[in-house]
Amino acid sequence: MVEWTLRNVKRLIIAVTGFIVMAVGIAMIVLPGPAVIVIPIGLGILATEFVWARTFLKHAKERMARFRKKAEIS
């Protein structure tokens, strides 16, 4: 039988919550709603436990900063 530690349970809850929030955000791309806000929130939740999400969120922030800087110049 699989032994569940408190850390594993916490990690599972964070993963499920993060993926649900991300799925809702992705659905908001075609449905009415603030997808641009909800998707990074889902990534932020996932980034608390997963390095790949932290890296992806970091790259997304850098791209947004470059986009904003480019928009200010134009």
Protein backbone atom coordinates (compact mmCIF):
# COMPACT_ATOMS: atom_id res chain seq x y z
CA MET A 1 0.00 0.00 0.00
CA VAL A 2 1.17 3.50 -0.78
CA GLU A 3 2.13 5.44 2.30
CA TRP A 4 0.99 9.05 2.10
CA THR A 5 3.04 11.54 4.02
CA LEU A 6 1.74 14.97 4.86
CA ARG A 7 4.12 16.47 2.27
CA ASN A 8 2.75 14.23 -0.48
CA VAL A 9 -0.84 15.08 0.41
CA LYS A 10 -0.01 18.80 0.41
CA ARG A 11 1.73 18.48 -2.95
CA LEU A 12 -1.25 16.62 -4.43
CA ILE A 13 -3.72 19.23 -3.16
CA ILE A 14 -1.61 22.06 -4.60
CA ALA A 15 -1.26 20.24 -7.93
CA VAL A 16 -4.99 19.59 -8.25
CA THR A 17 -5.89 23.15 -7.23
CA GLY A 18 -3.32 24.69 -9.57
CA PHE A 19 -4.38 22.61 -12.55
CA ILE A 20 -8.06 23.34 -11.93
CA VAL A 21 -7.38 27.08 -11.79
CA MET A 22 -5.28 26.82 -14.96
CA ALA A 23 -8.02 24.84 -16.72
CA VAL A 24 -10.59 27.48 -15.78
CA GLY A 25 -8.22 30.17 -17.08
CA ILE A 26 -7.71 28.32 -20.35
CA ALA A 27 -11.47 27.93 -20.70
CA MET A 28 -11.77 31.69 -20.17
CA ILE A 29 -9.80 32.24 -23.36
CA VAL A 30 -12.93 31.39 -25.32
CA LEU A 31 -15.49 32.07 -22.57
CA PRO A 32 -16.06 35.47 -20.97
CA GLY A 33 -13.66 36.10 -18.13
CA PRO A 34 -10.21 37.40 -17.19
CA ALA A 35 -8.05 34.57 -18.57
CA VAL A 36 -4.96 36.81 -18.54
CA ILE A 37 -5.28 37.07 -14.76
CA VAL A 38 -6.46 33.55 -13.89
CA ILE A 39 -3.80 31.59 -15.80
CA PRO A 40 -0.85 33.26 -13.99
CA ILE A 41 -2.63 32.68 -10.66
CA GLY A 42 -2.80 28.96 -11.49
CA LEU A 43 0.88 29.00 -12.41
CA GLY A 44 1.66 30.80 -9.16
CA ILE A 45 -0.13 28.09 -7.19
CA LEU A 46 1.79 25.38 -9.05
CA ALA A 47 5.07 27.28 -8.65
CA THR A 48 4.89 26.86 -4.88
CA GLU A 49 5.69 23.15 -5.32
CA PHE A 50 7.00 22.57 -8.84
CA VAL A 51 10.21 23.96 -10.36
CA TRP A 52 8.91 23.69 -13.95
CA ALA A 53 6.00 26.00 -13.10
CA ARG A 54 8.32 28.46 -11.34
CA THR A 55 10.57 28.56 -14.41
CA PHE A 56 7.61 29.01 -16.77
CA LEU A 57 6.19 31.80 -14.60
CA LYS A 58 9.58 33.54 -14.51
CA HIS A 59 9.85 33.46 -18.32
CA ALA A 60 6.29 34.74 -18.66
CA LYS A 61 7.05 37.67 -16.34
CA GLU A 62 10.17 38.51 -18.33
CA ARG A 63 8.23 38.46 -21.60
CA MET A 64 5.54 40.73 -20.15
CA ALA A 65 8.21 43.17 -18.94
CA ARG A 66 9.77 43.25 -22.41
CA PHE A 67 6.35 43.68 -24.01
CA ARG A 68 5.50 46.59 -21.69
CA LYS A 69 8.85 48.26 -22.34
CA LYS A 70 8.39 47.87 -26.09
CA ALA A 71 4.84 49.27 -25.85
CA GLU A 72 6.10 52.33 -23.94
CA ILE A 73 8.68 53.09 -26.63
CA SER A 74 6.18 52.86 -29.49
